[in-house]
Amino acid sequence: MPLTTGTKDSRVRQWRRALGFGRADPPSACQVATTPVVEKVSVFDSTAQGGPRSTGARKRWLRIIPLALVMYTIAFIDRTNISMALPSISHALHMNPTQAGAVAGVFFWGYLVLQAPGGHLASHWSAKRLIAILLLLWGLCAIGCGLTNTWRELWVMRFLLGVAEGGVWPSALILLSNWFPRAERARANAWFMLCIPLSVIIASPISGWILTRWDWRVMLISEGILPILWLVVWVRMIDDRPRKAAWLSMEERDDLEKLLAKERAEAEPLKHQPYVKALFEPQVLVMVMIYFLSSVGATGYLFWLPTVLGSSRKLGDLVVGILMTIPFIVTGIMMVLNSWHSDISGERRGHVAAALGLAGAFLLLAVWISQYSQLFAYICLCFAAGGPYVQLGPFWALATETLPRETMGAAMGLITGLGNLGGYFGPLWVGYLKQRSGNFVGGFGLMGICFVVGASLAFFLRSSHRAHRLQKIE
């Protein structure tokens, strides 16, 4: 006897909501029709295909995601705005390409310091309070970058900026996992991670305008004030968990907490591993390698592309800023589509591999075709830019679905901390190869190879339990 009179797809979606992804096999039609879980989940649940439906879901999506997105957009602006000013800073502080690459990349050595401790504190104390403290600290460090007088002083301030921002990323991911169940998590991660292309889209033309009208010091100081201003909004508007949110009804809070608790219980391993051993299990180490290779390409591309564009036709800062936005508009669209498809299919690894593999292919094609046509090379660069960011939604959803809950915060901090060291080596290697060869062919070719290798490693990741359940249901 059919579950409903709807289509086959609608019956499958009802089965998924009824299950809460908590059983290995689909129940009978009678079980699904009579179980009270269906009614409970419907208060706040969103379908795998359509996004948030109910009032409770809309409240979460329209409050948590924008607050987190704006916060990390500011963080990414303060991290990467130096890329727009790198030619001016190099001239003012007498830096060669290798020194410029080191100044851009040393941020990620500082970034490593608070990754695992920050994730642990967010899991066991408060993500909201930790991020509030770090907002103030990184704002002061960003302002300090604009007050330096030598490249060594700038190197030190960039390192301290990395320390201050280091605990923000794992804390934000823990915060999102406290608010969005598995069926929504890749999309929640992707909408939050739109801060990365959004920061470039917003900041590049503005930074170019500031550089044209004033100088790099004004740009760094003015953009360093932003996190201090956002601190007030963050403290007043964000909550660590649903049970603390006065803007949700009691029923919405209880239903969401119950589902999240159920999913956390399902994610626990049958045998608890020692804490340190759990941090270095194969799943974590493979994710570190993928994130490292992705960061090599992402930061090398981001920090050196303005220089490439500016030197190719002697373009002004404002024009370079506008040209920088186009690849990241494409990136934002691809991020949403990739995470949406990952959620409705329940598959993560293939979506990570496809994003990185295509980015590597387009980047290598851009290197080859640049000797024939700068226009087609730029088009290829536009599609290559997205790979390391497009994979982030499925990548971090896989982390929250496969890592033990008690070590998840620290493990995610370890992944981002060690993986982001690629952000140091990317700009440094590209700068070194530029200094040796006089062009960017070798550096951009190396980044393309890193993307391809990262895509291959994605197939060594363990699949999430949710993917297995969806396969059985369908």
Protein backbone atom coordinates (compact mmCIF):
# COMPACT_ATOMS: atom_id res chain seq x y z
CA MET A 1 0.00 0.00 0.00
CA PRO A 2 1.57 3.36 -0.97
CA LEU A 3 2.72 5.82 1.65
CA THR A 4 0.93 8.75 0.04
CA THR A 5 -0.80 9.55 -3.20
CA GLY A 6 2.16 11.77 -4.28
CA THR A 7 5.00 11.04 -6.64
CA LYS A 8 7.78 8.54 -5.99
CA ASP A 9 10.21 11.39 -5.23
CA SER A 10 7.86 12.88 -2.64
CA ARG A 11 7.51 9.49 -0.94
CA VAL A 12 11.29 9.15 -0.80
CA ARG A 13 11.58 12.60 0.79
CA GLN A 14 8.96 11.64 3.38
CA TRP A 15 10.92 8.51 4.20
CA ARG A 16 14.07 10.59 4.67
CA ARG A 17 12.36 13.05 7.01
CA ALA A 18 10.70 10.24 8.91
CA LEU A 19 13.99 8.44 9.36
CA GLY A 20 15.97 11.52 10.40
CA PHE A 21 18.78 9.56 8.70
CA GLY A 22 18.88 7.47 11.84
CA ARG A 23 18.20 3.94 10.55
CA ALA A 24 20.08 1.79 8.12
CA ASP A 25 16.96 0.60 6.24
CA PRO A 26 13.67 2.29 5.31
CA PRO A 27 10.71 1.37 7.48
CA SER A 28 7.54 -0.10 6.15
CA ALA A 29 4.77 2.15 4.90
CA CYS A 30 2.81 1.49 8.04
CA GLN A 31 5.73 2.45 10.24
CA VAL A 32 6.32 5.68 8.38
CA ALA A 33 2.65 6.60 8.39
CA THR A 34 2.30 6.13 12.13
CA THR A 35 5.62 7.35 13.52
CA PRO A 36 5.44 10.66 15.44
CA VAL A 37 8.94 11.67 14.25
CA VAL A 38 7.52 12.98 10.99
CA GLU A 39 5.44 15.59 12.75
CA LYS A 40 8.23 16.58 15.10
CA VAL A 41 10.84 17.15 12.40
CA SER A 42 8.45 19.14 10.23
CA VAL A 43 8.51 22.04 12.68
CA PHE A 44 11.99 23.10 11.59
CA ASP A 45 13.12 20.69 8.91
CA SER A 46 14.03 21.62 5.34
CA THR A 47 13.85 19.25 2.46
CA ALA A 48 16.98 18.08 0.76
CA GLN A 49 15.92 19.82 -2.41
CA GLY A 50 14.10 22.93 -1.50
CA GLY A 51 15.72 24.67 1.45
CA PRO A 52 14.03 25.85 4.63
CA ARG A 53 10.27 25.53 4.72
CA SER A 54 8.93 26.33 8.16
CA THR A 55 9.01 29.44 10.27
CA GLY A 56 11.63 27.92 12.59
CA ALA A 57 13.90 26.99 9.68
CA ARG A 58 13.55 30.42 8.10
CA LYS A 59 14.46 32.07 11.39
CA ARG A 60 17.64 30.02 11.65
CA TRP A 61 18.71 30.53 8.06
CA LEU A 62 17.97 34.27 8.09
CA ARG A 63 19.70 34.92 11.41
CA ILE A 64 22.62 32.55 11.96
CA ILE A 65 23.95 32.43 8.38
CA PRO A 66 24.00 36.22 7.69
CA LEU A 67 25.65 36.99 11.05
CA ALA A 68 28.33 34.35 10.56
CA LEU A 69 28.78 35.26 6.89
CA VAL A 70 29.36 38.96 7.55
CA MET A 71 31.73 38.16 10.42
CA TYR A 72 33.97 35.93 8.34
CA THR A 73 33.71 38.15 5.27
CA ILE A 74 35.39 40.84 7.36
CA ALA A 75 38.00 38.32 8.53
CA PHE A 76 38.80 37.31 4.96
CA ILE A 77 39.01 40.95 3.84
CA ASP A 78 41.57 41.71 6.55
CA ARG A 79 43.48 38.54 5.65
CA THR A 80 43.68 39.05 1.90
CA ASN A 81 43.45 42.81 1.27
CA ILE A 82 47.24 42.91 1.17
CA SER A 83 47.06 41.19 -2.23
CA MET A 84 45.61 44.33 -3.82
CA ALA A 85 48.30 46.50 -2.27
CA LEU A 86 51.24 44.13 -2.71
CA PRO A 87 52.87 46.08 -5.58
CA SER A 88 52.56 49.37 -3.64
CA ILE A 89 53.76 47.84 -0.37
CA SER A 90 56.67 46.12 -2.13
CA HIS A 91 57.78 49.46 -3.54
CA ALA A 92 57.32 51.38 -0.26
CA LEU A 93 59.01 48.77 1.98
CA HIS A 94 61.61 47.64 -0.60
CA MET A 95 60.49 43.99 -0.81
CA ASN A 96 61.55 41.55 -3.53
CA PRO A 97 59.00 38.93 -4.77
CA THR A 98 60.22 36.26 -2.34
CA GLN A 99 59.90 38.64 0.65
CA ALA A 100 56.48 39.76 -0.57
CA GLY A 101 55.35 36.14 -0.76
CA ALA A 102 56.67 35.50 2.77
CA VAL A 103 54.84 38.55 4.16
CA ALA A 104 51.59 37.44 2.51
CA GLY A 105 51.95 33.84 3.64
CA VAL A 106 53.33 34.18 7.19
CA PHE A 107 49.75 34.84 8.28
CA PHE A 108 49.15 31.09 8.08
CA TRP A 109 51.94 30.19 10.50
CA GLY A 110 50.21 32.39 13.04
CA TYR A 111 46.89 30.91 11.96
CA LEU A 112 48.07 27.50 13.11
CA VAL A 113 48.49 28.52 16.78
CA LEU A 114 44.83 28.69 17.84
CA GLN A 115 43.28 26.19 15.42
CA ALA A 116 43.02 23.09 17.63
CA PRO A 117 42.69 25.05 20.93
CA GLY A 118 40.08 27.29 19.34
CA GLY A 119 38.01 24.35 18.11
CA HIS A 120 38.25 22.70 21.53
CA LEU A 121 37.16 25.87 23.34
CA ALA A 122 34.27 26.38 20.90
CA SER A 123 33.06 22.81 21.53
CA HIS A 124 33.43 22.81 25.30
CA TRP A 125 33.02 26.49 26.23
CA SER A 126 31.41 29.00 23.85
CA ALA A 127 31.92 29.66 20.14
CA LYS A 128 30.11 32.99 20.48
CA ARG A 129 32.34 34.34 23.24
CA LEU A 130 35.56 33.07 21.70
CA ILE A 131 34.77 34.70 18.35
CA ALA A 132 33.85 37.95 20.14
CA ILE A 133 37.27 38.08 21.79
CA LEU A 134 39.00 37.31 18.51
CA LEU A 135 37.04 40.00 16.63
CA LEU A 136 38.62 42.63 18.86
CA LEU A 137 42.11 41.15 18.66
CA TRP A 138 42.26 40.72 14.90
CA GLY A 139 40.88 44.23 14.38
CA LEU A 140 43.75 45.69 16.40
CA CYS A 141 46.30 43.57 14.53
CA ALA A 142 44.83 44.55 11.13
CA ILE A 143 45.12 48.23 12.05
CA GLY A 144 48.69 47.57 13.19
CA CYS A 145 49.58 46.26 9.72
CA GLY A 146 48.85 49.71 8.32
CA LEU A 147 51.17 51.38 10.82
CA THR A 148 54.34 49.44 9.96
CA ASN A 149 57.44 51.06 8.46
CA THR A 150 59.60 48.08 7.40
CA TRP A 151 58.82 44.76 5.76
CA ARG A 152 59.98 42.93 8.91
CA GLU A 153 57.48 44.86 11.04
CA LEU A 154 54.75 44.00 8.53
CA TRP A 155 55.87 40.35 8.67
CA VAL A 156 55.43 40.34 12.48
CA MET A 157 51.99 42.03 12.34
CA ARG A 158 50.78 39.62 9.66
CA PHE A 159 51.86 36.73 11.89
CA LEU A 160 49.95 38.19 14.86
CA LEU A 161 46.92 38.77 12.64
CA GLY A 162 47.03 35.07 11.78
CA VAL A 163 47.14 34.15 15.48
CA ALA A 164 44.10 36.35 16.20
CA GLU A 165 42.06 34.94 13.30
CA GLY A 166 43.19 31.35 13.86
CA GLY A 167 40.42 30.26 16.21
CA VAL A 168 37.59 31.85 14.23
CA TRP A 169 37.13 29.30 11.43
CA PRO A 170 36.79 26.11 13.55
CA SER A 171 34.63 28.01 16.05
CA ALA A 172 32.28 29.15 13.30
CA LEU A 173 31.99 25.60 11.92
CA ILE A 174 31.19 24.28 15.40
CA LEU A 175 28.57 27.03 15.77
CA LEU A 176 26.91 26.01 12.49
CA SER A 177 26.91 22.33 13.47
CA ASN A 178 25.01 23.36 16.64
CA TRP A 179 22.28 24.93 14.51
CA PHE A 180 21.90 22.88 11.31
CA PRO A 181 21.21 19.12 11.10
CA ARG A 182 22.91 16.89 8.56
CA ALA A 183 20.31 17.33 5.83
CA GLU A 184 21.09 21.06 5.77
CA ARG A 185 24.74 21.10 6.74
CA ALA A 186 26.54 21.22 3.37
CA ARG A 187 24.26 24.06 2.25
CA ALA A 188 24.67 25.88 5.56
CA ASN A 189 28.45 25.53 5.27
CA ALA A 190 28.40 26.71 1.66
CA TRP A 191 26.21 29.75 2.35
CA PHE A 192 28.50 30.66 5.23
CA MET A 193 31.60 30.09 3.08
CA LEU A 194 30.24 32.46 0.45
CA CYS A 195 32.09 34.94 2.65
CA ILE A 196 35.26 33.96 0.77
CA PRO A 197 34.22 34.99 -2.77
CA LEU A 198 31.99 37.72 -1.32
CA SER A 199 34.94 39.31 0.47
CA VAL A 200 36.85 39.53 -2.81
CA ILE A 201 33.82 40.80 -4.74
CA ILE A 202 33.17 43.54 -2.18
CA ALA A 203 36.70 44.43 -1.13
CA SER A 204 38.58 44.35 -4.45
CA PRO A 205 36.93 47.38 -6.11
CA ILE A 206 36.71 49.27 -2.80
CA SER A 207 40.35 48.55 -2.01
CA GLY A 208 41.31 49.56 -5.53
CA TRP A 209 39.42 52.84 -5.11
CA ILE A 210 41.09 53.54 -1.73
CA LEU A 211 44.52 52.80 -3.23
CA THR A 212 43.80 55.14 -6.12
CA ARG A 213 42.53 57.95 -3.88
CA TRP A 214 44.83 57.50 -0.84
CA ASP A 215 47.36 54.71 -0.19
CA TRP A 216 47.84 51.21 1.20
CA ARG A 217 48.06 52.41 4.81
CA VAL A 218 44.60 53.99 4.67
CA MET A 219 43.23 50.81 3.11
CA LEU A 220 44.62 48.49 5.80
CA ILE A 221 43.63 50.73 8.73
CA SER A 222 40.10 51.51 7.51
CA GLU A 223 39.34 47.84 6.81
CA GLY A 224 40.89 46.89 10.17
CA ILE A 225 38.23 48.93 11.98
CA LEU A 226 35.40 46.76 10.57
CA PRO A 227 35.68 43.76 12.98
CA ILE A 228 35.61 46.10 16.00
CA LEU A 229 32.36 47.63 14.73
CA TRP A 230 30.83 44.20 14.01
CA LEU A 231 31.67 43.01 17.54
CA VAL A 232 28.66 44.91 18.92
CA VAL A 233 26.25 43.22 16.50
CA TRP A 234 27.77 39.78 17.13
CA VAL A 235 27.43 39.93 20.91
CA ARG A 236 23.81 41.12 20.80
CA MET A 237 22.45 38.89 18.01
CA ILE A 238 24.14 35.47 18.03
CA ASP A 239 23.47 32.46 20.30
CA ASP A 240 25.60 29.37 20.85
CA ARG A 241 22.78 26.81 20.73
CA PRO A 242 19.03 26.64 19.97
CA ARG A 243 18.15 26.22 23.65
CA LYS A 244 19.55 29.70 24.35
CA ALA A 245 17.64 31.40 21.52
CA ALA A 246 14.73 33.49 22.79
CA TRP A 247 13.71 34.21 19.19
CA LEU A 248 12.65 30.56 18.66
CA SER A 249 9.51 29.09 20.17
CA MET A 250 9.89 26.43 22.87
CA GLU A 251 8.65 23.73 20.48
CA GLU A 252 11.14 24.78 17.80
CA ARG A 253 14.00 24.77 20.30
CA ASP A 254 13.10 21.36 21.71
CA ASP A 255 12.58 19.70 18.33
CA LEU A 256 15.86 20.97 16.92
CA GLU A 257 17.84 20.05 20.04
CA LYS A 258 16.38 16.52 19.98
CA LEU A 259 17.29 15.93 16.35
CA LEU A 260 20.82 17.30 16.78
CA ALA A 261 21.32 15.17 19.90
CA LYS A 262 20.13 12.09 18.01
CA GLU A 263 22.55 12.79 15.15
CA ARG A 264 25.42 13.34 17.58
CA ALA A 265 24.69 10.02 19.25
CA GLU A 266 24.66 8.23 15.88
CA ALA A 267 28.00 9.80 14.96
CA GLU A 268 29.76 8.49 18.07
CA PRO A 269 32.13 5.55 17.40
CA LEU A 270 31.32 2.22 18.98
CA LYS A 271 34.69 2.26 20.74
CA HIS A 272 36.03 5.57 21.92
CA GLN A 273 39.63 6.17 20.89
CA PRO A 274 42.23 7.99 22.98
CA TYR A 275 42.00 11.73 22.34
CA VAL A 276 45.37 12.16 20.59
CA LYS A 277 44.94 9.01 18.52
CA ALA A 278 41.54 10.20 17.32
CA LEU A 279 43.11 13.47 16.13
CA PHE A 280 45.57 11.59 13.92
CA GLU A 281 43.34 8.90 12.47
CA PRO A 282 43.59 8.38 8.66
CA GLN A 283 40.43 10.38 7.92
CA VAL A 284 41.89 13.46 9.62
CA LEU A 285 45.31 13.09 7.98
CA VAL A 286 43.87 12.74 4.47
CA MET A 287 41.70 15.80 5.05
CA VAL A 288 44.78 17.72 6.20
CA MET A 289 46.62 16.81 2.96
CA ILE A 290 43.65 17.79 0.78
CA TYR A 291 43.23 21.09 2.61
CA PHE A 292 46.97 21.81 2.40
CA LEU A 293 47.10 21.29 -1.38
CA SER A 294 43.90 23.28 -1.82
CA SER A 295 45.32 26.15 0.24
CA VAL A 296 48.55 26.21 -1.79
CA GLY A 297 46.54 26.89 -4.94
CA ALA A 298 43.90 29.13 -3.37
CA THR A 299 46.25 31.58 -1.67
CA GLY A 300 48.87 31.54 -4.40
CA TYR A 301 46.13 32.44 -6.87
CA LEU A 302 44.51 35.05 -4.65
CA PHE A 303 47.66 36.90 -3.60
CA TRP A 304 49.36 36.96 -7.01
CA LEU A 305 46.46 37.33 -9.47
CA PRO A 306 46.22 41.14 -8.98
CA THR A 307 49.92 41.41 -9.83
CA VAL A 308 49.44 39.22 -12.91
CA LEU A 309 46.51 41.31 -14.10
CA GLY A 310 48.21 44.61 -13.35
CA SER A 311 51.44 43.68 -15.14
CA SER A 312 49.87 42.14 -18.24
CA ARG A 313 48.50 45.40 -19.66
CA LYS A 314 49.63 47.94 -17.05
CA LEU A 315 46.11 48.24 -15.65
CA GLY A 316 45.21 50.64 -12.82
CA ASP A 317 44.26 49.52 -9.30
CA LEU A 318 40.53 50.13 -9.80
CA VAL A 319 40.39 48.13 -13.06
CA VAL A 320 42.37 45.29 -11.47
CA GLY A 321 39.93 45.31 -8.55
CA ILE A 322 36.97 44.98 -10.92
CA LEU A 323 38.63 42.16 -12.89
CA MET A 324 39.32 40.37 -9.60
CA THR A 325 35.60 40.21 -8.79
CA ILE A 326 34.53 38.22 -11.87
CA PRO A 327 36.21 34.89 -10.98
CA PHE A 328 34.70 35.07 -7.51
CA ILE A 329 31.18 35.81 -8.76
CA VAL A 330 31.49 32.55 -10.72
CA THR A 331 32.86 30.90 -7.57
CA GLY A 332 29.88 31.96 -5.45
CA ILE A 333 27.38 30.47 -7.91
CA MET A 334 29.33 27.22 -8.15
CA MET A 335 29.58 26.93 -4.34
CA VAL A 336 25.81 27.05 -3.90
CA LEU A 337 25.13 24.60 -6.73
CA ASN A 338 27.75 22.08 -5.63
CA SER A 339 26.63 22.05 -1.99
CA TRP A 340 22.95 21.85 -3.00
CA HIS A 341 23.63 18.79 -5.16
CA SER A 342 25.79 17.25 -2.42
CA ASP A 343 22.92 17.56 0.05
CA ILE A 344 20.22 16.11 -2.19
CA SER A 345 22.44 13.19 -3.23
CA GLY A 346 24.02 12.62 0.20
CA GLU A 347 27.41 12.27 -1.54
CA ARG A 348 30.46 14.24 -0.38
CA ARG A 349 33.74 12.79 -1.72
CA GLY A 350 32.90 13.07 -5.41
CA HIS A 351 31.82 16.69 -4.99
CA VAL A 352 35.16 17.52 -3.36
CA ALA A 353 37.11 15.70 -6.07
CA ALA A 354 35.17 17.22 -8.96
CA ALA A 355 35.64 20.78 -7.71
CA LEU A 356 39.40 20.44 -7.22
CA GLY A 357 39.95 18.38 -10.37
CA LEU A 358 38.19 20.88 -12.63
CA ALA A 359 40.05 23.77 -10.99
CA GLY A 360 43.37 22.06 -11.67
CA ALA A 361 42.43 21.36 -15.28
CA PHE A 362 41.34 24.96 -15.95
CA LEU A 363 44.45 26.37 -14.27
CA LEU A 364 46.81 24.20 -16.31
CA LEU A 365 44.86 25.09 -19.46
CA ALA A 366 45.22 28.81 -18.59
CA VAL A 367 48.99 28.40 -18.26
CA TRP A 368 49.23 26.70 -21.65
CA ILE A 369 46.86 29.00 -23.53
CA SER A 370 48.31 32.25 -22.08
CA GLN A 371 51.02 32.24 -24.75
CA TYR A 372 48.33 32.41 -27.45
CA SER A 373 45.47 34.45 -25.94
CA GLN A 374 45.34 36.44 -22.71
CA LEU A 375 41.55 36.68 -22.99
CA PHE A 376 41.01 32.91 -23.05
CA ALA A 377 43.61 32.48 -20.32
CA TYR A 378 41.63 34.90 -18.13
CA ILE A 379 38.40 33.00 -18.85
CA CYS A 380 40.08 29.76 -17.73
CA LEU A 381 41.34 31.53 -14.60
CA CYS A 382 37.77 32.60 -13.82
CA PHE A 383 36.67 28.94 -13.71
CA ALA A 384 39.83 27.77 -11.92
CA ALA A 385 39.35 30.21 -9.03
CA GLY A 386 36.36 28.38 -7.57
CA GLY A 387 37.76 24.88 -7.02
CA PRO A 388 39.25 25.23 -3.53
CA TYR A 389 36.16 27.11 -2.32
CA VAL A 390 33.48 25.10 -4.15
CA GLN A 391 34.62 21.93 -2.36
CA LEU A 392 34.38 23.46 1.11
CA GLY A 393 30.67 22.79 1.74
CA PRO A 394 30.83 19.02 1.12
CA PHE A 395 34.32 18.83 2.64
CA TRP A 396 33.30 20.23 6.02
CA ALA A 397 29.95 18.45 5.98
CA LEU A 398 31.92 15.19 5.64
CA ALA A 399 34.08 16.21 8.59
CA THR A 400 31.08 16.83 10.87
CA GLU A 401 29.44 13.55 9.72
CA THR A 402 32.45 11.24 10.14
CA LEU A 403 34.59 12.57 13.01
CA PRO A 404 33.88 11.65 16.68
CA ARG A 405 31.92 14.37 18.44
CA GLU A 406 34.23 14.65 21.45
CA THR A 407 37.26 15.39 19.26
CA MET A 408 35.51 17.02 16.28
CA GLY A 409 36.30 20.62 17.26
CA ALA A 410 39.98 19.94 17.86
CA ALA A 411 40.23 17.73 14.76
CA MET A 412 38.67 20.41 12.56
CA GLY A 413 41.08 22.93 14.08
CA LEU A 414 43.98 20.61 13.28
CA ILE A 415 42.77 20.20 9.69
CA THR A 416 42.46 23.93 9.13
CA GLY A 417 45.66 24.74 11.02
CA LEU A 418 47.99 22.29 9.27
CA GLY A 419 46.10 22.53 5.99
CA ASN A 420 46.27 26.31 5.95
CA LEU A 421 50.07 26.15 6.05
CA GLY A 422 49.61 25.71 2.33
CA GLY A 423 48.56 29.34 2.47
CA TYR A 424 52.13 30.19 3.46
CA PHE A 425 53.87 28.04 0.86
CA GLY A 426 51.55 28.99 -2.04
CA PRO A 427 52.43 32.71 -2.24
CA LEU A 428 56.06 31.95 -1.30
CA TRP A 429 56.58 29.32 -4.03
CA VAL A 430 54.88 31.45 -6.68
CA GLY A 431 57.01 34.45 -5.67
CA TYR A 432 60.19 32.37 -5.71
CA LEU A 433 59.46 30.89 -9.15
CA LYS A 434 58.57 34.37 -10.42
CA GLN A 435 61.91 35.71 -9.18
CA ARG A 436 63.80 32.82 -10.80
CA SER A 437 62.01 32.73 -14.15
CA GLY A 438 60.67 36.26 -14.53
CA ASN A 439 57.11 35.04 -15.17
CA PHE A 440 54.21 33.27 -13.45
CA VAL A 441 54.02 30.17 -15.69
CA GLY A 442 55.83 27.84 -13.29
CA GLY A 443 54.00 29.11 -10.19
CA PHE A 444 50.51 28.83 -11.65
CA GLY A 445 51.35 25.44 -13.18
CA LEU A 446 52.40 24.21 -9.72
CA MET A 447 49.08 25.36 -8.26
CA GLY A 448 47.18 23.44 -10.95
CA ILE A 449 49.09 20.26 -10.10
CA CYS A 450 48.27 20.71 -6.39
CA PHE A 451 44.56 20.87 -7.21
CA VAL A 452 44.71 17.67 -9.29
CA VAL A 453 46.57 15.75 -6.56
CA GLY A 454 44.08 17.00 -3.95
CA ALA A 455 41.19 15.75 -6.10
CA SER A 456 42.78 12.30 -6.27
CA LEU A 457 43.21 12.15 -2.49
CA ALA A 458 39.50 12.86 -1.97
CA PHE A 459 38.67 9.27 -2.97
CA PHE A 460 40.63 8.00 0.05
CA LEU A 461 38.18 9.69 2.44
CA ARG A 462 35.66 7.61 4.35
CA SER A 463 32.05 8.17 3.28
CA SER A 464 29.50 9.52 5.73
CA HIS A 465 26.81 7.27 7.19
CA ARG A 466 24.18 9.52 5.65
CA ALA A 467 25.36 8.63 2.13
CA HIS A 468 24.96 4.91 2.87
CA ARG A 469 21.47 5.46 4.29
CA LEU A 470 20.28 7.45 1.27
CA GLN A 471 21.59 4.78 -1.09
CA LYS A 472 19.60 2.14 0.74
CA ILE A 473 16.43 4.23 0.80
CA GLU A 474 16.63 4.94 -2.93
